[in-house]
N, C-alpha and C. Protein backbone atom coordinates (compact mmCIF):
# COMPACT_ATOMS: atom_id res chain seq x y z
N MET A 1 1.03 -1.28 -0.05
CA MET A 1 -0.10 0.04 -0.25
C MET A 1 0.76 1.02 0.00
N GLU A 2 0.61 2.14 -0.76
CA GLU A 2 1.34 3.34 -1.03
C GLU A 2 0.77 4.37 -0.31
N THR A 3 1.71 5.02 0.79
CA THR A 3 1.46 6.21 1.56
C THR A 3 2.18 7.34 1.50
N TYR A 4 1.79 8.35 2.05
CA TYR A 4 2.65 9.64 2.14
C TYR A 4 3.94 9.40 2.73
N TYR A 5 4.12 8.66 3.99
CA TYR A 5 5.38 8.38 4.49
C TYR A 5 5.85 7.17 4.05
N ASN A 6 7.16 7.35 3.47
CA ASN A 6 8.04 6.30 3.02
C ASN A 6 9.54 6.76 3.86
N PRO A 7 9.72 5.67 4.63
CA PRO A 7 10.75 5.58 5.44
C PRO A 7 12.23 5.84 4.94
N GLU A 8 12.33 5.45 3.50
CA GLU A 8 13.65 5.58 2.72
C GLU A 8 13.77 7.03 2.51
N ASP A 9 12.52 8.00 2.43
CA ASP A 9 13.10 9.63 2.48
C ASP A 9 13.73 10.11 3.30
N LEU A 10 13.69 9.48 4.70
CA LEU A 10 14.56 10.03 5.72
C LEU A 10 16.11 10.23 5.26
N ALA A 11 16.72 9.41 4.53
CA ALA A 11 17.87 9.34 4.29
C ALA A 11 18.24 10.35 3.17
N LYS A 12 16.93 10.93 2.70
CA LYS A 12 17.11 12.14 1.62
C LYS A 12 17.12 13.54 2.03
N PHE A 13 16.89 13.50 3.45
CA PHE A 13 16.75 14.79 4.08
C PHE A 13 17.55 15.85 3.64
N GLU A 14 18.91 15.53 3.63
CA GLU A 14 20.03 16.56 3.52
C GLU A 14 19.76 16.94 2.08
N GLY A 15 19.36 16.21 1.10
CA GLY A 15 19.01 16.79 -0.27
C GLY A 15 17.97 17.94 -0.31
N ILE A 16 17.47 18.24 0.69
CA ILE A 16 16.24 19.41 0.83
C ILE A 16 17.11 20.67 0.29
N GLY A 17 18.12 20.67 0.57
CA GLY A 17 18.77 21.96 0.34
C GLY A 17 19.33 22.24 -1.29
N LYS A 18 18.91 21.42 -1.94
CA LYS A 18 19.53 21.15 -3.21
C LYS A 18 19.14 22.84 -4.00
N ASP A 19 18.02 23.20 -3.84
CA ASP A 19 17.51 24.53 -4.63
C ASP A 19 17.72 25.97 -3.43
N ALA A 20 18.12 25.44 -2.35
CA ALA A 20 18.36 26.44 -1.35
C ALA A 20 19.36 26.43 -0.50
N PRO A 21 20.74 26.02 -1.24
CA PRO A 21 21.90 25.57 -0.47
C PRO A 21 22.18 26.45 0.90
N ASN A 22 22.05 27.68 0.77
CA ASN A 22 22.72 28.74 1.92
C ASN A 22 21.88 28.43 3.18
N LEU A 23 20.53 28.31 2.77
CA LEU A 23 19.43 28.25 3.76
C LEU A 23 19.65 26.69 4.61
N ALA A 24 19.90 25.84 3.67
CA ALA A 24 19.79 24.38 4.22
C ALA A 24 21.34 24.47 5.22
N LYS A 25 22.12 25.01 4.54
CA LYS A 25 23.52 24.78 5.34
C LYS A 25 23.35 25.60 6.72
N ARG A 26 22.87 26.76 6.85
CA ARG A 26 22.49 27.38 8.20
C ARG A 26 21.57 26.52 8.97
N PHE A 27 20.73 25.88 8.31
CA PHE A 27 19.74 25.01 9.23
C PHE A 27 20.30 23.92 9.66
N PHE A 28 21.27 23.19 8.87
CA PHE A 28 21.87 22.06 9.26
C PHE A 28 23.05 22.31 10.43
N GLU A 29 23.66 23.30 10.15
CA GLU A 29 24.60 23.78 11.24
C GLU A 29 24.00 24.19 12.74
N TYR A 30 22.86 24.89 12.40
CA TYR A 30 22.20 25.18 13.69
C TYR A 30 21.64 23.76 14.38
N TYR A 31 21.17 23.09 13.48
CA TYR A 31 20.58 21.44 14.11
C TYR A 31 21.65 20.72 14.84
N GLY A 32 22.86 20.68 13.98
CA GLY A 32 23.94 20.07 14.61
C GLY A 32 24.54 20.32 16.05
N GLU A 33 24.34 21.82 16.17
CA GLU A 33 24.73 22.68 17.35
C GLU A 33 23.91 22.21 18.35
N VAL A 34 22.50 22.43 17.93
CA VAL A 34 21.51 22.15 19.04
C VAL A 34 21.54 20.85 19.72
N PHE A 35 22.11 19.84 19.11
CA PHE A 35 22.19 18.32 19.58
C PHE A 35 23.72 18.01 19.90
N GLU A 36 24.53 19.09 20.11
CA GLU A 36 26.07 18.74 20.85
C GLU A 36 25.82 18.67 22.44
N GLU A 37 26.72 18.15 23.00
CA GLU A 37 26.39 18.33 24.51
C GLU A 37 26.45 19.44 24.99
N GLY A 38 25.90 19.71 26.02
CA GLY A 38 25.81 20.96 26.52
C GLY A 38 25.28 20.80 28.12
N ASP A 39 24.29 21.72 28.59
CA ASP A 39 24.00 21.51 29.87
C ASP A 39 23.15 19.94 29.94
N LEU A 40 22.54 19.66 28.72
CA LEU A 40 22.04 18.41 28.45
C LEU A 40 22.71 17.65 27.76
N THR A 41 22.72 16.14 28.00
CA THR A 41 23.42 15.39 27.28
C THR A 41 23.05 15.01 26.14
N ALA A 42 23.74 14.28 25.28
CA ALA A 42 23.16 14.23 23.81
C ALA A 42 21.90 13.03 23.98
N ARG A 43 22.06 12.17 25.02
CA ARG A 43 20.72 11.18 25.22
C ARG A 43 19.69 11.94 26.03
N GLU A 44 19.73 12.89 26.59
CA GLU A 44 18.73 13.65 27.21
C GLU A 44 18.17 14.50 26.13
N LYS A 45 18.66 15.03 25.17
CA LYS A 45 18.20 15.67 24.08
C LYS A 45 17.56 14.77 23.04
N SER A 46 18.11 13.59 22.83
CA SER A 46 17.35 12.51 22.00
C SER A 46 16.07 12.46 22.64
N LEU A 47 15.94 12.23 23.89
CA LEU A 47 14.85 11.67 24.42
C LEU A 47 13.69 12.80 24.59
N ILE A 48 14.15 14.02 24.45
CA ILE A 48 13.22 15.31 24.22
C ILE A 48 12.91 15.41 23.05
N ALA A 49 13.67 15.34 21.92
CA ALA A 49 13.45 14.85 20.51
C ALA A 49 12.39 13.98 20.26
N LEU A 50 12.50 12.76 20.84
CA LEU A 50 11.56 11.52 20.44
C LEU A 50 10.20 11.92 21.15
N ALA A 51 10.09 12.84 22.13
CA ALA A 51 8.71 13.03 22.86
C ALA A 51 8.19 14.36 21.77
N VAL A 52 9.12 15.21 21.49
CA VAL A 52 8.33 16.18 20.26
C VAL A 52 7.92 15.79 19.02
N ALA A 53 8.90 14.63 18.74
CA ALA A 53 8.60 14.05 17.36
C ALA A 53 7.07 13.37 17.48
N HIS A 54 6.75 12.66 18.60
CA HIS A 54 5.56 12.24 18.77
C HIS A 54 4.48 13.39 19.05
N THR A 55 4.73 14.42 19.61
CA THR A 55 3.64 15.53 19.66
C THR A 55 3.36 16.11 18.32
N ILE A 56 4.17 16.29 17.60
CA ILE A 56 3.96 16.76 16.06
C ILE A 56 3.70 15.84 15.09
N GLN A 57 3.85 14.65 15.43
CA GLN A 57 3.67 13.50 14.81
C GLN A 57 4.35 13.16 13.40
N CYS A 58 5.44 13.35 13.60
CA CYS A 58 6.52 12.88 12.62
C CYS A 58 6.99 11.85 12.27
N PRO A 59 6.58 11.11 11.37
CA PRO A 59 7.18 9.78 11.64
C PRO A 59 8.52 9.55 11.20
N TYR A 60 9.15 10.50 10.37
CA TYR A 60 10.62 10.65 10.11
C TYR A 60 11.24 10.73 11.59
N CYS A 61 10.73 11.73 12.17
CA CYS A 61 11.31 12.05 13.40
C CYS A 61 11.46 11.09 14.37
N ILE A 62 10.42 10.50 14.47
CA ILE A 62 10.04 9.05 15.64
C ILE A 62 10.98 8.09 14.99
N ASP A 63 11.41 7.75 13.79
CA ASP A 63 12.18 6.79 13.34
C ASP A 63 13.48 7.02 13.87
N ALA A 64 13.96 8.49 13.44
CA ALA A 64 15.30 8.88 13.63
C ALA A 64 15.62 8.91 15.36
N TYR A 65 14.61 9.35 16.01
CA TYR A 65 15.15 9.69 17.35
C TYR A 65 14.84 8.34 18.21
N THR A 66 14.12 7.51 17.59
CA THR A 66 13.94 6.16 18.47
C THR A 66 15.41 5.35 18.32
N LYS A 67 15.88 5.55 16.99
CA LYS A 67 17.27 4.91 16.82
C LYS A 67 18.22 5.93 17.32
N GLY A 68 18.18 6.70 17.42
CA GLY A 68 19.08 7.83 18.25
C GLY A 68 19.02 7.57 19.61
N CYS A 69 17.99 7.33 20.14
CA CYS A 69 17.74 7.21 21.88
C CYS A 69 18.43 5.80 22.01
N LEU A 70 18.12 4.92 21.24
CA LEU A 70 18.68 3.62 21.65
C LEU A 70 20.09 3.68 21.44
N GLU A 71 20.84 4.35 20.40
CA GLU A 71 22.20 4.30 20.09
C GLU A 71 22.91 5.33 21.30
N LYS A 72 22.23 5.95 22.05
CA LYS A 72 22.73 6.95 23.13
C LYS A 72 22.63 6.18 24.58
N GLY A 73 22.03 5.03 24.39
CA GLY A 73 21.83 4.22 25.69
C GLY A 73 20.57 4.42 26.62
N SER A 74 19.48 4.89 25.91
CA SER A 74 18.25 4.89 26.32
C SER A 74 17.44 3.35 26.28
N ASN A 75 16.50 3.25 27.26
CA ASN A 75 16.07 1.86 27.17
C ASN A 75 14.46 2.22 26.50
N LEU A 76 13.99 1.02 26.31
CA LEU A 76 12.55 1.10 25.96
C LEU A 76 11.56 1.75 27.10
N SER A 77 11.91 1.46 28.31
CA SER A 77 11.12 2.07 29.26
C SER A 77 11.31 3.70 29.53
N GLU A 78 12.49 4.15 29.38
CA GLU A 78 12.91 5.68 29.25
C GLU A 78 12.01 6.15 28.21
N MET A 79 12.05 5.53 26.95
CA MET A 79 11.61 6.23 25.54
C MET A 79 10.03 6.20 25.92
N THR A 80 9.36 5.14 26.48
CA THR A 80 8.08 4.91 26.48
C THR A 80 7.49 6.27 27.76
N GLU A 81 8.31 6.52 28.77
CA GLU A 81 7.81 7.36 29.62
C GLU A 81 8.28 8.91 28.95
N ALA A 82 8.93 8.82 28.10
CA ALA A 82 8.89 10.50 27.42
C ALA A 82 7.84 10.77 26.65
N VAL A 83 7.39 9.44 25.75
CA VAL A 83 6.36 9.72 24.93
C VAL A 83 4.98 9.84 25.99
N HIS A 84 4.77 9.43 27.02
CA HIS A 84 4.05 9.69 27.86
C HIS A 84 3.70 11.11 28.29
N VAL A 85 4.88 11.67 28.54
CA VAL A 85 5.10 13.10 28.95
C VAL A 85 4.22 13.82 27.86
N ALA A 86 5.02 13.63 26.72
CA ALA A 86 4.45 14.36 25.59
C ALA A 86 2.86 14.20 25.39
N THR A 87 2.48 13.15 25.85
CA THR A 87 0.83 12.76 25.71
C THR A 87 0.35 13.76 26.52
N ALA A 88 0.82 13.50 28.00
CA ALA A 88 0.05 14.31 29.04
C ALA A 88 0.07 16.18 28.66
N ILE A 89 1.37 16.67 28.14
CA ILE A 89 1.23 17.81 27.85
C ILE A 89 0.27 18.07 26.78
N ARG A 90 0.54 17.26 25.43
CA ARG A 90 -0.40 17.54 24.38
C ARG A 90 -1.98 17.40 24.88
N GLY A 91 -2.34 16.50 25.68
CA GLY A 91 -3.71 16.31 26.23
C GLY A 91 -4.02 17.58 27.11
N GLY A 92 -3.24 18.01 27.88
CA GLY A 92 -3.58 19.18 28.77
C GLY A 92 -3.73 20.20 27.92
N ALA A 93 -2.93 20.67 26.95
CA ALA A 93 -3.16 21.58 26.12
C ALA A 93 -4.61 21.77 25.62
N SER A 94 -5.09 20.44 24.96
CA SER A 94 -6.30 20.47 24.46
C SER A 94 -7.45 20.71 25.34
N LEU A 95 -7.11 20.12 26.71
CA LEU A 95 -8.17 20.47 27.62
C LEU A 95 -8.47 21.85 28.00
N VAL A 96 -7.20 22.51 28.29
CA VAL A 96 -6.90 23.95 28.60
C VAL A 96 -7.71 24.74 27.66
N HIS A 97 -7.46 24.59 26.24
CA HIS A 97 -8.26 25.36 25.29
C HIS A 97 -9.92 25.10 25.48
N GLY A 98 -10.04 24.30 26.35
CA GLY A 98 -11.72 24.02 26.42
C GLY A 98 -12.02 25.25 27.25
N VAL A 99 -11.04 26.05 28.08
CA VAL A 99 -11.60 27.34 28.71
C VAL A 99 -12.07 28.18 27.84
N GLN A 100 -11.15 28.37 26.64
CA GLN A 100 -11.61 29.15 25.39
C GLN A 100 -13.13 28.81 24.88
N MET A 101 -13.35 27.62 24.70
CA MET A 101 -14.67 27.24 24.27
C MET A 101 -15.67 27.63 25.23
N ARG A 102 -15.51 27.40 26.53
CA ARG A 102 -16.39 27.78 27.46
C ARG A 102 -16.79 29.15 27.65
N ASN A 103 -15.68 29.87 27.56
CA ASN A 103 -15.78 31.31 27.46
C ASN A 103 -16.76 31.85 26.12
N ILE A 104 -16.59 31.29 25.12
CA ILE A 104 -17.38 31.56 24.03
C ILE A 104 -18.92 31.44 24.40
N ALA A 105 -18.76 30.02 24.51
CA ALA A 105 -20.44 29.46 24.88
C ALA A 105 -21.18 30.10 26.06
N GLU A 106 -20.40 30.75 26.90
CA GLU A 106 -20.99 31.37 27.95
C GLU A 106 -21.53 32.72 27.55
N LYS A 107 -20.65 33.45 26.58
CA LYS A 107 -20.67 34.70 25.96
C LYS A 107 -22.11 34.76 25.30
N MET A 108 -22.08 33.71 24.51
CA MET A 108 -23.41 33.46 23.53
C MET A 108 -24.46 33.17 24.10
N SER A 109 -24.44 32.38 25.40
CA SER A 109 -25.92 32.26 26.16
C SER A 109 -26.33 33.43 26.80
N MET A 110 -25.47 34.53 27.04
CA MET A 110 -25.86 35.75 27.92
C MET A 110 -26.99 36.52 27.14
């Protein structure tokens, strides 16, 4: 079955700069610097990226950061917990926007 998501496309990511090389170069430099060791370890950054990947629902990022987490020493339990943190934040964000819905509904009911 053909889908929009093709796992082989992840390997083609760097080619995205073909028609905008200067922009791609700056993005990839920034991207690389973000994931360097700093106050957070590369392992911690990969766990954060995995959680964010699930939040934005990017299958390419999920693939890349699942592999990255495993390569940097994370285990399935830690990775699953990171996904649950993302789920809680995303779910909470949906619920808190319910206040906006209630405010509008209450205004219209006046």
